[in-house]
Amino acid sequence: MRLPTTNGQNLRLILAASLLSFTSCGFGTNRTLEETFEQFYAIEPTADISIKNRDGVVRVYGSSANELRVQATKRAYTQRRLKQIVVDVSVRPGAVSIETHFPPNPTWGLFDRSGTVEYAIVVPETANISRLELGAGEVLVEGMRGQNLHAQLERGRMLVRSCFSNSVFSLGRGTFTLAYEWWEPGKFSIQANVATGNALAFLPGAATFHLIAETPHGKIINDFSAEGRPDGGVIRKIDTAIGPASAPAADISVRAAHGNIRVSKTYP
């Protein structure tokens, strides 16, 4: 039996059909064009690295080699737009800058606004990442042990895996995930701030750390402690030490202004 449609439903169907018809006449049907840039550079093991991208993906991997590997894949709907996106890598003694330049978007009309860049960057694990900025997309940082690590994402997903640097992470909207496949005892700090979205932390059961977690408008679930509020209410703030008091402890601070926080205990 066919269900009847209301006038409002008919209007939505007409608008959807019109939109599909319109996009099929323009560049929406063109296949995505892409161009890959890949270079290797010898750099100092404690080099200062700055990365900036507007739209796409930035993945950074720590390595035992004293070299920088940059692979950048540009994508756009038109060849003209693709050529207008510029990947600029500057290597100087003790410093590296990787910056993406996009052409300005049209101020009106349905002109070509396409363009993303996906980076895979391998750096010495002891390097410092003084700035990693992405407007929209996905950030991954893995295996870093440098003195400092700073990453900022306006909206999207941020994943930090097995990093033992003094780190500050900022996410405007999306999901933040901190994960460790193993634990190295020592003093380092992780500070994560999420404006809107959830924060997840996956930490080994044998880890030793001082945890501060706060969410004014969400709830906190902490697998490392079975204790709850005496009145059974929602937990919104935690300040607790995990592990033996005699062991060196990391400081982990996670704040979600509008979202939930989950701290999960993992086992090898």
C-alpha atoms as a PDB file:
ATOM      1  CA  MET A   1       0.000   0.000   0.000  1.00  0.00           C
ATOM      2  CA  ARG A   2       1.353   3.406  -0.940  1.00  0.00           C
ATOM      3  CA  LEU A   3       1.336   5.952   1.823  1.00  0.00           C
ATOM      4  CA  PRO A   4      -0.280   9.328   1.085  1.00  0.00           C
ATOM      5  CA  THR A   5       1.931  12.404   1.033  1.00  0.00           C
ATOM      6  CA  THR A   6       1.109  15.783   2.453  1.00  0.00           C
ATOM      7  CA  ASN A   7       1.668  19.082   0.666  1.00  0.00           C
ATOM      8  CA  GLY A   8       4.745  19.691   2.824  1.00  0.00           C
ATOM      9  CA  GLN A   9       6.183  16.309   1.856  1.00  0.00           C
ATOM     10  CA  ASN A  10       5.493  16.990  -1.824  1.00  0.00           C
ATOM     11  CA  LEU A  11       7.318  20.311  -1.553  1.00  0.00           C
ATOM     12  CA  ARG A  12      10.360  18.670   0.034  1.00  0.00           C
ATOM     13  CA  LEU A  13      10.438  16.022  -2.711  1.00  0.00           C
ATOM     14  CA  ILE A  14      10.237  18.695  -5.403  1.00  0.00           C
ATOM     15  CA  LEU A  15      13.037  20.714  -3.825  1.00  0.00           C
ATOM     16  CA  ALA A  16      15.216  17.610  -3.463  1.00  0.00           C
ATOM     17  CA  ALA A  17      14.614  16.641  -7.095  1.00  0.00           C
ATOM     18  CA  SER A  18      15.375  20.159  -8.258  1.00  0.00           C
ATOM     19  CA  LEU A  19      18.621  20.215  -6.302  1.00  0.00           C
ATOM     20  CA  LEU A  20      19.740  16.883  -7.764  1.00  0.00           C
ATOM     21  CA  SER A  21      18.861  18.090 -11.262  1.00  0.00           C
ATOM     22  CA  PHE A  22      20.749  21.339 -10.757  1.00  0.00           C
ATOM     23  CA  THR A  23      23.918  19.750  -9.385  1.00  0.00           C
ATOM     24  CA  SER A  24      23.952  17.212 -12.205  1.00  0.00           C
ATOM     25  CA  CYS A  25      24.380  20.077 -14.673  1.00  0.00           C
ATOM     26  CA  GLY A  26      27.396  21.619 -12.943  1.00  0.00           C
ATOM     27  CA  PHE A  27      30.726  20.574 -11.602  1.00  0.00           C
ATOM     28  CA  GLY A  28      29.058  18.373  -8.974  1.00  0.00           C
ATOM     29  CA  THR A  29      29.128  15.430 -11.388  1.00  0.00           C
ATOM     30  CA  ASN A  30      32.808  15.857 -12.255  1.00  0.00           C
ATOM     31  CA  ARG A  31      35.109  13.414 -10.616  1.00  0.00           C
ATOM     32  CA  THR A  32      37.301  14.790  -7.888  1.00  0.00           C
ATOM     33  CA  LEU A  33      40.717  15.728  -9.207  1.00  0.00           C
ATOM     34  CA  GLU A  34      43.765  15.162  -7.051  1.00  0.00           C
ATOM     35  CA  GLU A  35      47.466  15.863  -7.053  1.00  0.00           C
ATOM     36  CA  THR A  36      50.068  14.437  -4.649  1.00  0.00           C
ATOM     37  CA  PHE A  37      53.192  16.171  -3.393  1.00  0.00           C
ATOM     38  CA  GLU A  38      55.878  14.191  -1.533  1.00  0.00           C
ATOM     39  CA  GLN A  39      59.274  15.354  -0.271  1.00  0.00           C
ATOM     40  CA  PHE A  40      61.956  14.272   2.223  1.00  0.00           C
ATOM     41  CA  TYR A  41      64.154  16.629   4.254  1.00  0.00           C
ATOM     42  CA  ALA A  42      66.944  16.033   6.780  1.00  0.00           C
ATOM     43  CA  ILE A  43      66.118  17.966   9.974  1.00  0.00           C
ATOM     44  CA  GLU A  44      67.343  18.236  13.547  1.00  0.00           C
ATOM     45  CA  PRO A  45      65.825  15.796  16.067  1.00  0.00           C
ATOM     46  CA  THR A  46      64.499  18.682  18.198  1.00  0.00           C
ATOM     47  CA  ALA A  47      63.345  20.913  15.341  1.00  0.00           C
ATOM     48  CA  ASP A  48      60.388  23.248  15.883  1.00  0.00           C
ATOM     49  CA  ILE A  49      57.534  22.338  13.508  1.00  0.00           C
ATOM     50  CA  SER A  50      54.566  24.481  12.491  1.00  0.00           C
ATOM     51  CA  ILE A  51      51.662  23.108  10.389  1.00  0.00           C
ATOM     52  CA  LYS A  52      48.651  25.011   9.084  1.00  0.00           C
ATOM     53  CA  ASN A  53      45.778  23.765   6.917  1.00  0.00           C
ATOM     54  CA  ARG A  54      42.278  25.079   6.319  1.00  0.00           C
ATOM     55  CA  ASP A  55      40.291  22.048   5.214  1.00  0.00           C
ATOM     56  CA  GLY A  56      41.164  18.356   5.037  1.00  0.00           C
ATOM     57  CA  VAL A  57      43.307  16.026   7.133  1.00  0.00           C
ATOM     58  CA  VAL A  58      46.569  16.393   9.061  1.00  0.00           C
ATOM     59  CA  ARG A  59      48.229  13.196  10.307  1.00  0.00           C
ATOM     60  CA  VAL A  60      51.551  13.472  12.134  1.00  0.00           C
ATOM     61  CA  TYR A  61      53.645  10.436  13.067  1.00  0.00           C
ATOM     62  CA  GLY A  62      56.726  10.378  15.284  1.00  0.00           C
ATOM     63  CA  SER A  63      59.698   8.403  13.980  1.00  0.00           C
ATOM     64  CA  SER A  64      63.192   7.445  15.183  1.00  0.00           C
ATOM     65  CA  ALA A  65      64.730   8.883  11.983  1.00  0.00           C
ATOM     66  CA  ASN A  66      66.057  12.442  11.856  1.00  0.00           C
ATOM     67  CA  GLU A  67      64.141  13.387   8.763  1.00  0.00           C
ATOM     68  CA  LEU A  68      60.920  15.037   7.715  1.00  0.00           C
ATOM     69  CA  ARG A  69      58.626  13.357   5.229  1.00  0.00           C
ATOM     70  CA  VAL A  70      55.727  15.361   3.841  1.00  0.00           C
ATOM     71  CA  GLN A  71      53.069  13.781   1.665  1.00  0.00           C
ATOM     72  CA  ALA A  72      50.249  16.129   0.678  1.00  0.00           C
ATOM     73  CA  THR A  73      47.296  15.199  -1.502  1.00  0.00           C
ATOM     74  CA  LYS A  74      45.306  18.116  -2.899  1.00  0.00           C
ATOM     75  CA  ARG A  75      41.719  17.507  -4.042  1.00  0.00           C
ATOM     76  CA  ALA A  76      39.304  19.772  -5.921  1.00  0.00           C
ATOM     77  CA  TYR A  77      36.546  19.627  -8.531  1.00  0.00           C
ATOM     78  CA  THR A  78      38.319  21.656 -11.205  1.00  0.00           C
ATOM     79  CA  GLN A  79      41.883  21.810 -12.467  1.00  0.00           C
ATOM     80  CA  ARG A  80      41.981  25.568 -11.978  1.00  0.00           C
ATOM     81  CA  ARG A  81      40.970  25.255  -8.333  1.00  0.00           C
ATOM     82  CA  LEU A  82      43.465  22.443  -7.808  1.00  0.00           C
ATOM     83  CA  LYS A  83      46.345  24.546  -9.119  1.00  0.00           C
ATOM     84  CA  GLN A  84      45.333  27.481  -6.920  1.00  0.00           C
ATOM     85  CA  ILE A  85      45.882  25.413  -3.762  1.00  0.00           C
ATOM     86  CA  VAL A  86      49.550  25.734  -2.789  1.00  0.00           C
ATOM     87  CA  VAL A  87      51.511  23.594  -0.324  1.00  0.00           C
ATOM     88  CA  ASP A  88      54.436  25.611   1.036  1.00  0.00           C
ATOM     89  CA  VAL A  89      57.178  23.751   2.945  1.00  0.00           C
ATOM     90  CA  SER A  90      59.976  25.853   4.423  1.00  0.00           C
ATOM     91  CA  VAL A  91      62.922  24.131   6.121  1.00  0.00           C
ATOM     92  CA  ARG A  92      65.437  26.235   8.061  1.00  0.00           C
ATOM     93  CA  PRO A  93      68.018  25.287  10.693  1.00  0.00           C
ATOM     94  CA  GLY A  94      66.023  24.144  13.711  1.00  0.00           C
ATOM     95  CA  ALA A  95      62.607  25.049  12.256  1.00  0.00           C
ATOM     96  CA  VAL A  96      60.066  23.729   9.746  1.00  0.00           C
ATOM     97  CA  SER A  97      56.937  25.454   8.449  1.00  0.00           C
ATOM     98  CA  ILE A  98      54.250  23.633   6.448  1.00  0.00           C
ATOM     99  CA  GLU A  99      51.493  25.941   5.300  1.00  0.00           C
ATOM    100  CA  THR A 100      48.550  25.522   2.940  1.00  0.00           C
ATOM    101  CA  HIS A 101      47.375  28.450   0.846  1.00  0.00           C
ATOM    102  CA  PHE A 102      43.819  28.321  -0.514  1.00  0.00           C
ATOM    103  CA  PRO A 103      42.301  30.748  -3.005  1.00  0.00           C
ATOM    104  CA  PRO A 104      39.578  32.971  -1.534  1.00  0.00           C
ATOM    105  CA  ASN A 105      36.041  31.635  -1.813  1.00  0.00           C
ATOM    106  CA  PRO A 106      33.575  33.591  -3.976  1.00  0.00           C
ATOM    107  CA  THR A 107      31.526  36.036  -1.942  1.00  0.00           C
ATOM    108  CA  TRP A 108      28.316  35.049  -3.738  1.00  0.00           C
ATOM    109  CA  GLY A 109      26.945  32.510  -6.188  1.00  0.00           C
ATOM    110  CA  LEU A 110      27.543  28.790  -6.597  1.00  0.00           C
ATOM    111  CA  PHE A 111      31.072  29.049  -7.939  1.00  0.00           C
ATOM    112  CA  ASP A 112      33.704  26.452  -7.191  1.00  0.00           C
ATOM    113  CA  ARG A 113      34.369  26.431  -3.442  1.00  0.00           C
ATOM    114  CA  SER A 114      36.022  23.023  -3.456  1.00  0.00           C
ATOM    115  CA  GLY A 115      39.431  22.135  -2.155  1.00  0.00           C
ATOM    116  CA  THR A 116      40.954  20.008   0.586  1.00  0.00           C
ATOM    117  CA  VAL A 117      44.481  18.905   1.427  1.00  0.00           C
ATOM    118  CA  GLU A 118      45.321  15.644   3.185  1.00  0.00           C
ATOM    119  CA  TYR A 119      48.716  15.528   4.894  1.00  0.00           C
ATOM    120  CA  ALA A 120      50.725  12.544   6.107  1.00  0.00           C
ATOM    121  CA  ILE A 121      53.757  13.981   7.915  1.00  0.00           C
ATOM    122  CA  VAL A 122      56.532  11.933   9.524  1.00  0.00           C
ATOM    123  CA  VAL A 123      58.826  13.812  11.920  1.00  0.00           C
ATOM    124  CA  PRO A 124      61.465  12.897  14.519  1.00  0.00           C
ATOM    125  CA  GLU A 125      59.606  11.736  17.619  1.00  0.00           C
ATOM    126  CA  THR A 126      61.643  14.194  19.729  1.00  0.00           C
ATOM    127  CA  ALA A 127      60.644  17.207  17.601  1.00  0.00           C
ATOM    128  CA  ASN A 128      58.487  19.999  19.008  1.00  0.00           C
ATOM    129  CA  ILE A 129      55.165  20.762  17.332  1.00  0.00           C
ATOM    130  CA  SER A 130      54.705  24.388  18.283  1.00  0.00           C
ATOM    131  CA  ARG A 131      51.618  24.803  16.101  1.00  0.00           C
ATOM    132  CA  LEU A 132      49.248  22.451  14.333  1.00  0.00           C
ATOM    133  CA  GLU A 133      46.144  24.269  13.092  1.00  0.00           C
ATOM    134  CA  LEU A 134      43.297  22.862  11.009  1.00  0.00           C
ATOM    135  CA  GLY A 135      40.006  24.570  10.239  1.00  0.00           C
ATOM    136  CA  ALA A 136      37.808  21.575   9.449  1.00  0.00           C
ATOM    137  CA  GLY A 137      38.472  17.865   9.085  1.00  0.00           C
ATOM    138  CA  GLU A 138      40.555  15.339  10.986  1.00  0.00           C
ATOM    139  CA  VAL A 139      43.732  15.575  13.077  1.00  0.00           C
ATOM    140  CA  LEU A 140      45.833  12.594  14.139  1.00  0.00           C
ATOM    141  CA  VAL A 141      49.046  12.854  16.178  1.00  0.00           C
ATOM    142  CA  GLU A 142      50.877   9.660  17.064  1.00  0.00           C
ATOM    143  CA  GLY A 143      54.088   8.665  18.830  1.00  0.00           C
ATOM    144  CA  MET A 144      55.487  12.064  19.820  1.00  0.00           C
ATOM    145  CA  ARG A 145      57.973  12.521  22.674  1.00  0.00           C
ATOM    146  CA  GLY A 146      59.172  16.071  22.115  1.00  0.00           C
ATOM    147  CA  GLN A 147      59.101  18.748  24.764  1.00  0.00           C
ATOM    148  CA  ASN A 148      55.961  20.514  23.476  1.00  0.00           C
ATOM    149  CA  LEU A 149      52.949  19.696  21.324  1.00  0.00           C
ATOM    150  CA  HIS A 150      50.145  22.131  20.486  1.00  0.00           C
ATOM    151  CA  ALA A 151      47.240  21.243  18.178  1.00  0.00           C
ATOM    152  CA  GLN A 152      44.045  23.133  17.371  1.00  0.00           C
ATOM    153  CA  LEU A 153      41.029  22.032  15.325  1.00  0.00           C
ATOM    154  CA  GLU A 154      37.956  24.191  14.762  1.00  0.00           C
ATOM    155  CA  ARG A 155      35.567  21.354  13.901  1.00  0.00           C
ATOM    156  CA  GLY A 156      35.950  17.670  13.199  1.00  0.00           C
ATOM    157  CA  ARG A 157      37.713  14.766  14.894  1.00  0.00           C
ATOM    158  CA  MET A 158      40.974  14.841  16.826  1.00  0.00           C
ATOM    159  CA  LEU A 159      42.819  11.648  17.781  1.00  0.00           C
ATOM    160  CA  VAL A 160      45.987  11.633  19.893  1.00  0.00           C
ATOM    161  CA  ARG A 161      47.686   8.259  20.196  1.00  0.00           C
ATOM    162  CA  SER A 162      50.608   7.233  22.428  1.00  0.00           C
ATOM    163  CA  CYS A 163      52.117  10.711  22.836  1.00  0.00           C
ATOM    164  CA  PHE A 164      54.335  11.513  25.841  1.00  0.00           C
ATOM    165  CA  SER A 165      54.912  15.227  25.260  1.00  0.00           C
ATOM    166  CA  ASN A 166      53.712  18.216  27.255  1.00  0.00           C
ATOM    167  CA  SER A 167      50.635  18.794  25.126  1.00  0.00           C
ATOM    168  CA  VAL A 168      47.783  21.248  24.706  1.00  0.00           C
ATOM    169  CA  PHE A 169      44.845  20.317  22.464  1.00  0.00           C
ATOM    170  CA  SER A 170      41.925  22.537  21.525  1.00  0.00           C
ATOM    171  CA  LEU A 171      38.776  21.468  19.671  1.00  0.00           C
ATOM    172  CA  GLY A 172      35.909  23.798  18.815  1.00  0.00           C
ATOM    173  CA  ARG A 173      33.275  21.250  17.779  1.00  0.00           C
ATOM    174  CA  GLY A 174      33.588  17.508  17.368  1.00  0.00           C
ATOM    175  CA  THR A 175      35.073  14.508  19.157  1.00  0.00           C
ATOM    176  CA  PHE A 176      38.420  14.336  20.954  1.00  0.00           C
ATOM    177  CA  THR A 177      40.047  10.945  21.601  1.00  0.00           C
ATOM    178  CA  LEU A 178      43.171  10.272  23.668  1.00  0.00           C
ATOM    179  CA  ALA A 179      44.486   6.707  23.431  1.00  0.00           C
ATOM    180  CA  TYR A 180      47.547   4.828  24.700  1.00  0.00           C
ATOM    181  CA  GLU A 181      48.482   1.349  23.525  1.00  0.00           C
ATOM    182  CA  TRP A 182      51.194   1.203  26.211  1.00  0.00           C
ATOM    183  CA  TRP A 183      52.350   3.361  29.103  1.00  0.00           C
ATOM    184  CA  GLU A 184      55.753   4.915  29.770  1.00  0.00           C
ATOM    185  CA  PRO A 185      56.122   6.148  33.366  1.00  0.00           C
ATOM    186  CA  GLY A 186      57.307   9.719  33.558  1.00  0.00           C
ATOM    187  CA  LYS A 187      56.320  13.335  34.010  1.00  0.00           C
ATOM    188  CA  PHE A 188      54.407  14.855  31.126  1.00  0.00           C
ATOM    189  CA  SER A 189      51.121  16.726  30.815  1.00  0.00           C
ATOM    190  CA  ILE A 190      48.071  16.495  28.594  1.00  0.00           C
ATOM    191  CA  GLN A 191      45.572  19.348  28.504  1.00  0.00           C
ATOM    192  CA  ALA A 192      42.510  18.986  26.272  1.00  0.00           C
ATOM    193  CA  ASN A 193      39.703  21.512  25.862  1.00  0.00           C
ATOM    194  CA  VAL A 194      36.546  20.766  23.870  1.00  0.00           C
ATOM    195  CA  ALA A 195      34.017  23.551  23.390  1.00  0.00           C
ATOM    196  CA  THR A 196      31.170  21.438  21.986  1.00  0.00           C
ATOM    197  CA  GLY A 197      31.452  17.676  21.752  1.00  0.00           C
ATOM    198  CA  ASN A 198      32.578  14.595  23.641  1.00  0.00           C
ATOM    199  CA  ALA A 199      36.010  13.649  24.972  1.00  0.00           C
ATOM    200  CA  LEU A 200      37.194  10.035  25.221  1.00  0.00           C
ATOM    201  CA  ALA A 201      40.330   8.744  26.939  1.00  0.00           C
ATOM    202  CA  PHE A 202      41.588   5.142  26.669  1.00  0.00           C
ATOM    203  CA  LEU A 203      44.349   4.528  29.234  1.00  0.00           C
ATOM    204  CA  PRO A 204      46.143   1.321  30.256  1.00  0.00           C
ATOM    205  CA  GLY A 205      45.099  -0.169  33.569  1.00  0.00           C
ATOM    206  CA  ALA A 206      48.698   0.069  34.804  1.00  0.00           C
ATOM    207  CA  ALA A 207      49.005   3.791  34.018  1.00  0.00           C
ATOM    208  CA  THR A 208      49.926   6.277  36.747  1.00  0.00           C
ATOM    209  CA  PHE A 209      48.476   9.763  36.352  1.00  0.00           C
ATOM    210  CA  HIS A 210      46.685  12.656  37.998  1.00  0.00           C
ATOM    211  CA  LEU A 211      43.292  13.131  36.352  1.00  0.00           C
ATOM    212  CA  ILE A 212      41.277  16.324  36.281  1.00  0.00           C
ATOM    213  CA  ALA A 213      38.072  16.137  34.240  1.00  0.00           C
ATOM    214  CA  GLU A 214      35.273  18.694  34.105  1.00  0.00           C
ATOM    215  CA  THR A 215      32.098  19.173  32.103  1.00  0.00           C
ATOM    216  CA  PRO A 216      29.597  21.819  33.270  1.00  0.00           C
ATOM    217  CA  HIS A 217      26.822  20.603  30.959  1.00  0.00           C
ATOM    218  CA  GLY A 218      27.483  16.887  30.550  1.00  0.00           C
ATOM    219  CA  LYS A 219      28.501  13.847  32.570  1.00  0.00           C
ATOM    220  CA  ILE A 220      31.710  11.973  33.375  1.00  0.00           C
ATOM    221  CA  ILE A 221      32.193   8.211  33.385  1.00  0.00           C
ATOM    222  CA  ASN A 222      35.495   7.039  34.879  1.00  0.00           C
ATOM    223  CA  ASP A 223      36.404   3.333  34.695  1.00  0.00           C
ATOM    224  CA  PHE A 224      39.343   3.860  37.067  1.00  0.00           C
ATOM    225  CA  SER A 225      36.995   4.604  39.945  1.00  0.00           C
ATOM    226  CA  ALA A 226      33.740   2.919  40.871  1.00  0.00           C
ATOM    227  CA  GLU A 227      32.837   5.719  43.231  1.00  0.00           C
ATOM    228  CA  GLY A 228      29.938   7.975  42.374  1.00  0.00           C
ATOM    229  CA  ARG A 229      28.240  10.882  43.979  1.00  0.00           C
ATOM    230  CA  PRO A 230      26.691  10.022  47.370  1.00  0.00           C
ATOM    231  CA  ASP A 231      23.329  11.290  46.161  1.00  0.00           C
ATOM    232  CA  GLY A 232      23.522   9.266  42.944  1.00  0.00           C
ATOM    233  CA  GLY A 233      23.602  12.366  40.780  1.00  0.00           C
ATOM    234  CA  VAL A 234      25.568  13.061  37.620  1.00  0.00           C
ATOM    235  CA  ILE A 235      29.342  13.451  38.040  1.00  0.00           C
ATOM    236  CA  ARG A 236      30.567  16.655  36.424  1.00  0.00           C
ATOM    237  CA  LYS A 237      34.043  17.043  37.929  1.00  0.00           C
ATOM    238  CA  ILE A 238      36.867  14.698  38.918  1.00  0.00           C
ATOM    239  CA  ASP A 239      40.207  15.472  40.544  1.00  0.00           C
ATOM    240  CA  THR A 240      41.926  12.219  41.490  1.00  0.00           C
ATOM    241  CA  ALA A 241      45.242  10.348  41.456  1.00  0.00           C
ATOM    242  CA  ILE A 242      45.450   6.988  39.699  1.00  0.00           C
ATOM    243  CA  GLY A 243      48.177   4.435  40.437  1.00  0.00           C
ATOM    244  CA  PRO A 244      50.894   4.097  43.107  1.00  0.00           C
ATOM    245  CA  ALA A 245      51.788   7.360  44.828  1.00  0.00           C
ATOM    246  CA  SER A 246      55.503   6.524  44.587  1.00  0.00           C
ATOM    247  CA  ALA A 247      55.510   6.276  40.765  1.00  0.00           C
ATOM    248  CA  PRO A 248      56.105   9.285  38.471  1.00  0.00           C
ATOM    249  CA  ALA A 249      52.708  10.543  37.423  1.00  0.00           C
ATOM    250  CA  ALA A 250      51.519  12.298  34.291  1.00  0.00           C
ATOM    251  CA  ASP A 251      49.002  15.128  34.533  1.00  0.00           C
ATOM    252  CA  ILE A 252      45.907  14.683  32.374  1.00  0.00           C
ATOM    253  CA  SER A 253      43.318  17.445  32.253  1.00  0.00           C
ATOM    254  CA  VAL A 254      40.202  17.184  30.078  1.00  0.00           C
ATOM    255  CA  ARG A 255      37.431  19.761  29.871  1.00  0.00           C
ATOM    256  CA  ALA A 256      34.286  19.582  27.741  1.00  0.00           C
ATOM    257  CA  ALA A 257      32.219  22.739  27.985  1.00  0.00           C
ATOM    258  CA  HIS A 258      29.183  21.159  26.273  1.00  0.00           C
ATOM    259  CA  GLY A 259      29.573  17.405  26.101  1.00  0.00           C
ATOM    260  CA  ASN A 260      30.412  14.211  27.963  1.00  0.00           C
ATOM    261  CA  ILE A 261      33.734  12.740  29.111  1.00  0.00           C
ATOM    262  CA  ARG A 262      34.520   9.033  29.209  1.00  0.00           C
ATOM    263  CA  VAL A 263      37.760   7.666  30.752  1.00  0.00           C
ATOM    264  CA  SER A 264      38.152   3.988  29.874  1.00  0.00           C
ATOM    265  CA  LYS A 265      40.596   1.473  31.335  1.00  0.00           C
ATOM    266  CA  THR A 266      42.283  -0.758  28.752  1.00  0.00           C
ATOM    267  CA  TYR A 267      44.401  -3.876  29.058  1.00  0.00           C
ATOM    268  CA  PRO A 268      47.132  -5.279  26.760  1.00  0.00           C
END
